[in-house]
Amino acid sequence: MQLLSKKLLHLSKLYNKLIIAELPGLQSESDMVMLCTIYANNSKITQKQLTEWLAVDKSRIAVMIFSLAERGFVYTERNEADRREHHVFLTAKGLALIPLIQQVIDQINSQLYKTLDERTLHAFYQVLRQMEENLVGAPSALNPRHLRSPFKQKEGLRVS
C-alpha cells in the first residue's frame, strides 16, 4: 500500500524548492503565496482576510507579515476607522518581485510539463479535483471543517 500524500508531498517540496531557489529574498512558498495574494487583490487586503483566504492561523499570518516587512517586501497600516484592522501593502521591492515570481513559475512549469501533452495534464487535474471532492464528501472524521480547497477560488481572491 502506497501513501499518496507522500508522493504528492515529495513533488510539492521539489517544485517549491526549485521556485524559491530562483527568487532572491524569499524563504518559502508561503512568502511567495502571500506576496501574490496581496498583489492579486490590489493591496486592498487585511490581515484577517489573509488568515481566512490562506487558511492559516492569525498568529502565523502576523509572523509571516512581520518577516516580509523586515525584508522590505510589505508594510502594514492600521485602519483609523477600526483600529483592530490592519491593511497589508506591497512595497516597491515587493511589487518588483511579482513579475519575477511569474517568470520563475512559468519556467518551472515548462520544465515540469515538458514531456506531458495538454490532454494528459487536463486528465491529471481532473483526477486531483475528483480525489479532493471524494475526500471533502468523506465522513466528518476525515473532513475537518477548516479544510479549504486549493482548487476552488475564494470570492475576491485571485492568486496566479
N, C-alpha and C. Protein backbone atom coordinates (compact mmCIF):
# COMPACT_ATOMS: atom_id res chain seq x y z
N MET A 1 0.84 -1.19 0.00
CA MET A 1 0.00 0.00 0.00
C MET A 1 0.89 1.25 0.00
N GLN A 2 0.63 2.11 -0.93
CA GLN A 2 1.44 3.32 -1.06
C GLN A 2 0.64 4.53 -0.58
N LEU A 3 1.28 5.38 0.20
CA LEU A 3 0.63 6.57 0.72
C LEU A 3 0.73 7.69 -0.33
N LEU A 4 -0.40 8.07 -0.91
CA LEU A 4 -0.44 9.08 -1.96
C LEU A 4 0.13 10.41 -1.47
N SER A 5 -0.18 10.76 -0.24
CA SER A 5 0.28 12.05 0.27
C SER A 5 1.80 12.15 0.28
N LYS A 6 2.48 11.04 0.47
CA LYS A 6 3.94 11.04 0.48
C LYS A 6 4.49 11.41 -0.91
N LYS A 7 3.91 10.84 -1.95
CA LYS A 7 4.33 11.17 -3.32
C LYS A 7 4.02 12.64 -3.65
N LEU A 8 2.82 13.07 -3.30
CA LEU A 8 2.43 14.45 -3.58
C LEU A 8 3.28 15.44 -2.79
N LEU A 9 3.59 15.13 -1.55
CA LEU A 9 4.42 15.99 -0.72
C LEU A 9 5.84 16.09 -1.29
N HIS A 10 6.37 14.97 -1.73
CA HIS A 10 7.71 14.97 -2.34
C HIS A 10 7.73 15.86 -3.58
N LEU A 11 6.75 15.71 -4.45
CA LEU A 11 6.67 16.53 -5.66
C LEU A 11 6.52 18.01 -5.30
N SER A 12 5.68 18.30 -4.33
CA SER A 12 5.46 19.68 -3.89
C SER A 12 6.74 20.30 -3.34
N LYS A 13 7.46 19.56 -2.51
CA LYS A 13 8.70 20.07 -1.94
C LYS A 13 9.74 20.34 -3.03
N LEU A 14 9.87 19.44 -3.96
CA LEU A 14 10.82 19.61 -5.06
C LEU A 14 10.44 20.81 -5.91
N TYR A 15 9.19 20.93 -6.27
CA TYR A 15 8.67 22.03 -7.07
C TYR A 15 8.93 23.38 -6.38
N ASN A 16 8.57 23.47 -5.12
CA ASN A 16 8.75 24.72 -4.37
C ASN A 16 10.21 25.06 -4.15
N LYS A 17 11.03 24.05 -3.92
CA LYS A 17 12.46 24.27 -3.74
C LYS A 17 13.07 24.90 -5.00
N LEU A 18 12.68 24.39 -6.17
CA LEU A 18 13.19 24.93 -7.43
C LEU A 18 12.74 26.38 -7.64
N ILE A 19 11.50 26.67 -7.29
CA ILE A 19 10.97 28.03 -7.45
C ILE A 19 11.68 28.99 -6.49
N ILE A 20 11.71 28.66 -5.23
CA ILE A 20 12.29 29.55 -4.21
C ILE A 20 13.77 29.79 -4.46
N ALA A 21 14.48 28.80 -4.99
CA ALA A 21 15.91 28.95 -5.27
C ALA A 21 16.17 30.08 -6.28
N GLU A 22 15.18 30.40 -7.11
CA GLU A 22 15.33 31.42 -8.14
C GLU A 22 14.81 32.80 -7.71
N LEU A 23 14.25 32.89 -6.50
CA LEU A 23 13.64 34.14 -6.05
C LEU A 23 14.44 34.75 -4.91
N PRO A 24 15.15 35.84 -5.17
CA PRO A 24 16.01 36.44 -4.15
C PRO A 24 15.20 36.99 -2.97
N GLY A 25 15.60 36.62 -1.78
CA GLY A 25 14.98 37.15 -0.58
C GLY A 25 13.79 36.38 -0.06
N LEU A 26 13.23 35.48 -0.86
CA LEU A 26 12.10 34.69 -0.38
C LEU A 26 12.62 33.41 0.25
N GLN A 27 12.00 33.02 1.35
CA GLN A 27 12.47 31.86 2.09
C GLN A 27 11.59 30.64 1.95
N SER A 28 10.35 30.85 1.50
CA SER A 28 9.44 29.70 1.42
C SER A 28 8.32 29.98 0.43
N GLU A 29 7.58 28.92 0.15
CA GLU A 29 6.40 29.04 -0.69
C GLU A 29 5.40 30.01 -0.07
N SER A 30 5.33 30.01 1.25
CA SER A 30 4.40 30.90 1.96
C SER A 30 4.67 32.36 1.64
N ASP A 31 5.95 32.73 1.57
CA ASP A 31 6.31 34.10 1.21
C ASP A 31 5.76 34.45 -0.17
N MET A 32 5.97 33.55 -1.10
CA MET A 32 5.53 33.76 -2.47
C MET A 32 4.01 33.88 -2.56
N VAL A 33 3.31 32.97 -1.90
CA VAL A 33 1.84 32.98 -1.93
C VAL A 33 1.30 34.26 -1.30
N MET A 34 1.90 34.68 -0.20
CA MET A 34 1.47 35.90 0.48
C MET A 34 1.63 37.11 -0.44
N LEU A 35 2.81 37.26 -1.07
CA LEU A 35 3.04 38.39 -1.96
C LEU A 35 2.07 38.38 -3.15
N CYS A 36 1.87 37.21 -3.73
CA CYS A 36 0.96 37.10 -4.88
C CYS A 36 -0.49 37.39 -4.50
N THR A 37 -0.88 36.98 -3.31
CA THR A 37 -2.25 37.22 -2.84
C THR A 37 -2.47 38.72 -2.62
N ILE A 38 -1.51 39.38 -2.00
CA ILE A 38 -1.61 40.82 -1.78
C ILE A 38 -1.67 41.55 -3.12
N TYR A 39 -0.79 41.17 -4.03
CA TYR A 39 -0.76 41.79 -5.36
C TYR A 39 -2.08 41.56 -6.11
N ALA A 40 -2.57 40.34 -6.10
CA ALA A 40 -3.79 40.00 -6.83
C ALA A 40 -5.00 40.76 -6.33
N ASN A 41 -4.93 41.21 -5.10
CA ASN A 41 -6.04 41.96 -4.52
C ASN A 41 -5.76 43.45 -4.46
N ASN A 42 -4.85 43.91 -5.31
CA ASN A 42 -4.51 45.33 -5.42
C ASN A 42 -4.17 45.97 -4.09
N SER A 43 -3.52 45.20 -3.23
CA SER A 43 -3.12 45.65 -1.89
C SER A 43 -4.30 46.11 -1.05
N LYS A 44 -5.51 45.73 -1.43
CA LYS A 44 -6.69 46.06 -0.62
C LYS A 44 -7.06 44.82 0.18
N ILE A 45 -6.19 44.47 1.10
CA ILE A 45 -6.38 43.23 1.84
C ILE A 45 -5.96 43.45 3.29
N THR A 46 -6.67 42.80 4.17
CA THR A 46 -6.36 42.91 5.60
C THR A 46 -5.71 41.62 6.08
N GLN A 47 -5.09 41.71 7.26
CA GLN A 47 -4.51 40.51 7.86
C GLN A 47 -5.60 39.46 8.09
N LYS A 48 -6.77 39.91 8.49
CA LYS A 48 -7.88 38.97 8.73
C LYS A 48 -8.27 38.25 7.44
N GLN A 49 -8.34 38.97 6.34
CA GLN A 49 -8.67 38.34 5.05
C GLN A 49 -7.60 37.33 4.66
N LEU A 50 -6.34 37.68 4.85
CA LEU A 50 -5.26 36.74 4.55
C LEU A 50 -5.40 35.48 5.39
N THR A 51 -5.73 35.64 6.65
CA THR A 51 -5.93 34.49 7.54
C THR A 51 -7.02 33.57 7.00
N GLU A 52 -8.15 34.16 6.61
CA GLU A 52 -9.28 33.38 6.11
C GLU A 52 -8.98 32.74 4.76
N TRP A 53 -8.44 33.50 3.84
CA TRP A 53 -8.24 33.02 2.49
C TRP A 53 -7.12 31.99 2.38
N LEU A 54 -6.08 32.16 3.19
CA LEU A 54 -4.95 31.24 3.12
C LEU A 54 -5.09 30.10 4.12
N ALA A 55 -6.15 30.13 4.92
CA ALA A 55 -6.43 29.08 5.92
C ALA A 55 -5.22 28.87 6.83
N VAL A 56 -4.70 30.00 7.33
CA VAL A 56 -3.55 29.99 8.23
C VAL A 56 -3.95 30.72 9.50
N ASP A 57 -3.47 30.25 10.63
CA ASP A 57 -3.75 30.86 11.92
C ASP A 57 -3.33 32.33 11.92
N LYS A 58 -4.10 33.18 12.61
CA LYS A 58 -3.81 34.62 12.59
C LYS A 58 -2.44 34.96 13.19
N SER A 59 -1.98 34.21 14.17
CA SER A 59 -0.65 34.49 14.71
C SER A 59 0.43 34.12 13.69
N ARG A 60 0.20 33.07 12.93
CA ARG A 60 1.16 32.67 11.88
C ARG A 60 1.20 33.73 10.78
N ILE A 61 0.03 34.25 10.39
CA ILE A 61 -0.02 35.32 9.39
C ILE A 61 0.74 36.54 9.88
N ALA A 62 0.56 36.89 11.15
CA ALA A 62 1.26 38.05 11.72
C ALA A 62 2.77 37.86 11.64
N VAL A 63 3.25 36.66 11.96
CA VAL A 63 4.69 36.36 11.89
C VAL A 63 5.17 36.45 10.44
N MET A 64 4.40 35.91 9.51
CA MET A 64 4.78 35.94 8.10
C MET A 64 4.86 37.39 7.60
N ILE A 65 3.87 38.20 7.95
CA ILE A 65 3.86 39.60 7.53
C ILE A 65 5.05 40.34 8.14
N PHE A 66 5.31 40.10 9.42
CA PHE A 66 6.44 40.74 10.09
C PHE A 66 7.75 40.38 9.39
N SER A 67 7.91 39.12 9.05
CA SER A 67 9.12 38.66 8.36
C SER A 67 9.26 39.31 7.00
N LEU A 68 8.18 39.37 6.24
CA LEU A 68 8.23 40.02 4.92
C LEU A 68 8.49 41.51 5.05
N ALA A 69 7.95 42.13 6.09
CA ALA A 69 8.19 43.56 6.33
C ALA A 69 9.65 43.81 6.69
N GLU A 70 10.22 42.95 7.52
CA GLU A 70 11.63 43.09 7.89
C GLU A 70 12.55 43.04 6.68
N ARG A 71 12.14 42.24 5.68
CA ARG A 71 12.94 42.09 4.47
C ARG A 71 12.57 43.11 3.40
N GLY A 72 11.62 44.01 3.72
CA GLY A 72 11.28 45.11 2.84
C GLY A 72 10.29 44.82 1.74
N PHE A 73 9.53 43.73 1.84
CA PHE A 73 8.58 43.38 0.79
C PHE A 73 7.18 43.93 1.03
N VAL A 74 6.79 44.13 2.29
CA VAL A 74 5.45 44.61 2.61
C VAL A 74 5.52 45.61 3.76
N TYR A 75 4.42 46.32 3.94
CA TYR A 75 4.23 47.15 5.12
C TYR A 75 2.76 47.11 5.49
N THR A 76 2.45 47.49 6.70
CA THR A 76 1.06 47.47 7.16
C THR A 76 0.65 48.86 7.63
N GLU A 77 -0.64 49.10 7.55
CA GLU A 77 -1.22 50.33 8.08
C GLU A 77 -2.48 49.96 8.84
N ARG A 78 -2.65 50.59 9.98
CA ARG A 78 -3.84 50.36 10.79
C ARG A 78 -4.99 51.20 10.23
N ASN A 79 -6.15 50.63 10.17
CA ASN A 79 -7.35 51.33 9.73
C ASN A 79 -7.77 52.27 10.85
N GLU A 80 -7.77 53.56 10.59
CA GLU A 80 -8.12 54.54 11.63
C GLU A 80 -9.59 54.43 12.06
N ALA A 81 -10.45 53.98 11.15
CA ALA A 81 -11.86 53.82 11.49
C ALA A 81 -12.11 52.59 12.37
N ASP A 82 -11.28 51.57 12.21
CA ASP A 82 -11.38 50.35 13.01
C ASP A 82 -9.96 49.91 13.33
N ARG A 83 -9.46 50.32 14.47
CA ARG A 83 -8.05 50.14 14.82
C ARG A 83 -7.65 48.67 14.97
N ARG A 84 -8.61 47.77 15.00
CA ARG A 84 -8.29 46.33 15.05
C ARG A 84 -7.86 45.81 13.68
N GLU A 85 -8.20 46.56 12.65
CA GLU A 85 -7.97 46.12 11.27
C GLU A 85 -6.63 46.67 10.75
N HIS A 86 -5.83 45.77 10.20
CA HIS A 86 -4.53 46.14 9.62
C HIS A 86 -4.53 45.78 8.14
N HIS A 87 -4.26 46.76 7.30
CA HIS A 87 -4.14 46.53 5.86
C HIS A 87 -2.69 46.22 5.52
N VAL A 88 -2.51 45.34 4.56
CA VAL A 88 -1.17 44.93 4.16
C VAL A 88 -0.94 45.39 2.71
N PHE A 89 0.22 46.01 2.49
CA PHE A 89 0.56 46.56 1.18
C PHE A 89 1.93 46.06 0.74
N LEU A 90 2.12 45.97 -0.57
CA LEU A 90 3.43 45.65 -1.12
C LEU A 90 4.26 46.93 -1.16
N THR A 91 5.52 46.81 -0.86
CA THR A 91 6.46 47.91 -1.06
C THR A 91 6.89 47.88 -2.53
N ALA A 92 7.68 48.86 -2.94
CA ALA A 92 8.21 48.86 -4.30
C ALA A 92 9.04 47.60 -4.54
N LYS A 93 9.78 47.17 -3.52
CA LYS A 93 10.59 45.96 -3.63
C LYS A 93 9.71 44.72 -3.81
N GLY A 94 8.62 44.65 -3.06
CA GLY A 94 7.68 43.53 -3.19
C GLY A 94 7.00 43.53 -4.53
N LEU A 95 6.59 44.70 -4.98
CA LEU A 95 5.93 44.84 -6.27
C LEU A 95 6.87 44.45 -7.41
N ALA A 96 8.13 44.81 -7.29
CA ALA A 96 9.12 44.48 -8.33
C ALA A 96 9.36 42.98 -8.44
N LEU A 97 9.10 42.25 -7.37
CA LEU A 97 9.34 40.81 -7.37
C LEU A 97 8.23 40.02 -8.07
N ILE A 98 7.05 40.60 -8.20
CA ILE A 98 5.90 39.89 -8.78
C ILE A 98 6.17 39.38 -10.19
N PRO A 99 6.68 40.20 -11.12
CA PRO A 99 6.95 39.66 -12.47
C PRO A 99 7.98 38.54 -12.46
N LEU A 100 8.96 38.63 -11.58
CA LEU A 100 9.97 37.58 -11.47
C LEU A 100 9.34 36.29 -10.95
N ILE A 101 8.45 36.41 -9.98
CA ILE A 101 7.75 35.22 -9.46
C ILE A 101 7.00 34.53 -10.60
N GLN A 102 6.27 35.32 -11.39
CA GLN A 102 5.51 34.73 -12.50
C GLN A 102 6.44 34.10 -13.52
N GLN A 103 7.55 34.76 -13.83
CA GLN A 103 8.52 34.23 -14.78
C GLN A 103 9.10 32.91 -14.30
N VAL A 104 9.48 32.85 -13.03
CA VAL A 104 10.07 31.63 -12.48
C VAL A 104 9.04 30.49 -12.47
N ILE A 105 7.81 30.79 -12.06
CA ILE A 105 6.75 29.77 -12.07
C ILE A 105 6.55 29.24 -13.49
N ASP A 106 6.52 30.14 -14.46
CA ASP A 106 6.36 29.72 -15.86
C ASP A 106 7.51 28.82 -16.30
N GLN A 107 8.74 29.17 -15.92
CA GLN A 107 9.92 28.36 -16.27
C GLN A 107 9.83 26.96 -15.65
N ILE A 108 9.53 26.91 -14.37
CA ILE A 108 9.47 25.62 -13.67
C ILE A 108 8.30 24.79 -14.21
N ASN A 109 7.17 25.44 -14.47
CA ASN A 109 6.04 24.71 -15.04
C ASN A 109 6.39 24.15 -16.42
N SER A 110 7.11 24.92 -17.20
CA SER A 110 7.52 24.46 -18.53
C SER A 110 8.40 23.22 -18.40
N GLN A 111 9.33 23.26 -17.46
CA GLN A 111 10.19 22.10 -17.20
C GLN A 111 9.37 20.91 -16.71
N LEU A 112 8.44 21.17 -15.81
CA LEU A 112 7.60 20.13 -15.23
C LEU A 112 6.72 19.46 -16.29
N TYR A 113 6.19 20.25 -17.20
CA TYR A 113 5.24 19.75 -18.19
C TYR A 113 5.87 19.32 -19.50
N LYS A 114 7.20 19.41 -19.65
CA LYS A 114 7.83 19.27 -20.96
C LYS A 114 7.53 17.95 -21.68
N THR A 115 7.30 16.88 -20.97
CA THR A 115 7.02 15.60 -21.64
C THR A 115 5.54 15.22 -21.55
N LEU A 116 4.71 16.17 -21.11
CA LEU A 116 3.28 15.90 -20.95
C LEU A 116 2.48 16.72 -21.95
N ASP A 117 1.56 16.05 -22.66
CA ASP A 117 0.72 16.81 -23.58
C ASP A 117 -0.46 17.41 -22.82
N GLU A 118 -1.17 18.32 -23.48
CA GLU A 118 -2.27 19.05 -22.85
C GLU A 118 -3.37 18.11 -22.35
N ARG A 119 -3.64 17.06 -23.10
CA ARG A 119 -4.68 16.10 -22.71
C ARG A 119 -4.31 15.39 -21.40
N THR A 120 -3.04 15.00 -21.27
CA THR A 120 -2.57 14.33 -20.06
C THR A 120 -2.67 15.27 -18.86
N LEU A 121 -2.25 16.52 -19.05
CA LEU A 121 -2.33 17.50 -17.96
C LEU A 121 -3.77 17.74 -17.53
N HIS A 122 -4.65 17.87 -18.49
CA HIS A 122 -6.06 18.07 -18.19
C HIS A 122 -6.61 16.89 -17.38
N ALA A 123 -6.27 15.69 -17.80
CA ALA A 123 -6.72 14.49 -17.07
C ALA A 123 -6.15 14.47 -15.66
N PHE A 124 -4.87 14.85 -15.50
CA PHE A 124 -4.24 14.89 -14.18
C PHE A 124 -5.01 15.83 -13.25
N TYR A 125 -5.30 17.04 -13.72
CA TYR A 125 -6.02 18.00 -12.88
C TYR A 125 -7.45 17.55 -12.59
N GLN A 126 -8.08 16.89 -13.54
CA GLN A 126 -9.41 16.35 -13.30
C GLN A 126 -9.37 15.29 -12.20
N VAL A 127 -8.38 14.42 -12.23
CA VAL A 127 -8.24 13.38 -11.21
C VAL A 127 -7.99 14.03 -9.84
N LEU A 128 -7.13 15.03 -9.77
CA LEU A 128 -6.89 15.71 -8.50
C LEU A 128 -8.18 16.32 -7.94
N ARG A 129 -8.93 16.98 -8.81
CA ARG A 129 -10.20 17.59 -8.36
C ARG A 129 -11.17 16.52 -7.86
N GLN A 130 -11.26 15.40 -8.59
CA GLN A 130 -12.18 14.34 -8.19
C GLN A 130 -11.75 13.72 -6.87
N MET A 131 -10.45 13.51 -6.68
CA MET A 131 -9.95 12.97 -5.41
C MET A 131 -10.28 13.91 -4.26
N GLU A 132 -10.11 15.20 -4.51
CA GLU A 132 -10.43 16.18 -3.48
C GLU A 132 -11.92 16.14 -3.14
N GLU A 133 -12.76 16.10 -4.15
CA GLU A 133 -14.20 16.03 -3.91
C GLU A 133 -14.56 14.76 -3.14
N ASN A 134 -13.89 13.66 -3.45
CA ASN A 134 -14.14 12.41 -2.73
C ASN A 134 -13.81 12.56 -1.25
N LEU A 135 -12.72 13.27 -0.94
CA LEU A 135 -12.33 13.46 0.46
C LEU A 135 -13.21 14.49 1.16
N VAL A 136 -13.57 15.54 0.45
CA VAL A 136 -14.43 16.57 1.05
C VAL A 136 -15.79 15.97 1.40
N GLY A 137 -16.24 15.02 0.61
CA GLY A 137 -17.51 14.36 0.88
C GLY A 137 -17.39 13.20 1.85
N ALA A 138 -16.18 12.96 2.36
CA ALA A 138 -15.93 11.85 3.28
C ALA A 138 -16.57 12.11 4.64
N PRO A 139 -16.66 11.07 5.50
CA PRO A 139 -17.20 11.26 6.84
C PRO A 139 -16.45 12.36 7.59
N SER A 140 -17.13 12.97 8.55
CA SER A 140 -16.61 14.16 9.24
C SER A 140 -15.25 13.94 9.88
N ALA A 141 -14.91 12.75 10.32
CA ALA A 141 -13.60 12.50 10.93
C ALA A 141 -12.48 12.72 9.92
N LEU A 142 -12.78 12.51 8.64
CA LEU A 142 -11.79 12.69 7.59
C LEU A 142 -11.92 14.04 6.90
N ASN A 143 -12.91 14.82 7.30
CA ASN A 143 -13.22 16.07 6.63
C ASN A 143 -13.28 17.21 7.65
N PRO A 144 -12.13 17.69 8.14
CA PRO A 144 -12.16 18.77 9.11
C PRO A 144 -12.79 20.03 8.52
N ARG A 145 -13.50 20.77 9.35
CA ARG A 145 -14.20 21.97 8.87
C ARG A 145 -13.26 23.02 8.32
N HIS A 146 -12.04 23.08 8.85
CA HIS A 146 -11.10 24.12 8.41
C HIS A 146 -10.43 23.80 7.08
N LEU A 147 -10.67 22.60 6.53
CA LEU A 147 -10.06 22.23 5.26
C LEU A 147 -10.63 23.09 4.14
N ARG A 148 -9.76 23.75 3.41
CA ARG A 148 -10.20 24.58 2.29
C ARG A 148 -9.62 24.05 1.00
N SER A 149 -10.40 24.09 -0.02
CA SER A 149 -9.98 23.57 -1.31
C SER A 149 -8.97 24.48 -1.99
N PRO A 150 -7.82 23.93 -2.40
CA PRO A 150 -6.89 24.74 -3.16
C PRO A 150 -7.36 24.94 -4.61
N PHE A 151 -8.40 24.20 -5.02
CA PHE A 151 -8.87 24.28 -6.39
C PHE A 151 -10.06 25.21 -6.55
N LYS A 152 -10.71 25.55 -5.47
CA LYS A 152 -11.87 26.43 -5.55
C LYS A 152 -11.44 27.84 -5.21
N GLN A 153 -11.77 28.76 -6.08
CA GLN A 153 -11.34 30.14 -5.90
C GLN A 153 -12.25 30.82 -4.87
N LYS A 154 -11.64 31.40 -3.86
CA LYS A 154 -12.36 32.17 -2.86
C LYS A 154 -12.84 33.46 -3.52
N GLU A 155 -14.06 33.87 -3.22
CA GLU A 155 -14.60 35.09 -3.82
C GLU A 155 -13.66 36.25 -3.53
N GLY A 156 -13.26 36.94 -4.57
CA GLY A 156 -12.39 38.10 -4.43
C GLY A 156 -10.90 37.75 -4.39
N LEU A 157 -10.57 36.49 -4.31
CA LEU A 157 -9.17 36.08 -4.24
C LEU A 157 -8.72 35.58 -5.59
N ARG A 158 -7.64 36.16 -6.07
CA ARG A 158 -7.15 35.77 -7.39
C ARG A 158 -5.64 35.56 -7.28
N VAL A 159 -5.23 34.38 -6.92
CA VAL A 159 -3.81 34.09 -6.84
C VAL A 159 -3.38 33.39 -8.11
N SER A 160 -2.37 33.91 -8.76
CA SER A 160 -1.90 33.30 -10.01
C SER A 160 -1.18 32.02 -9.73
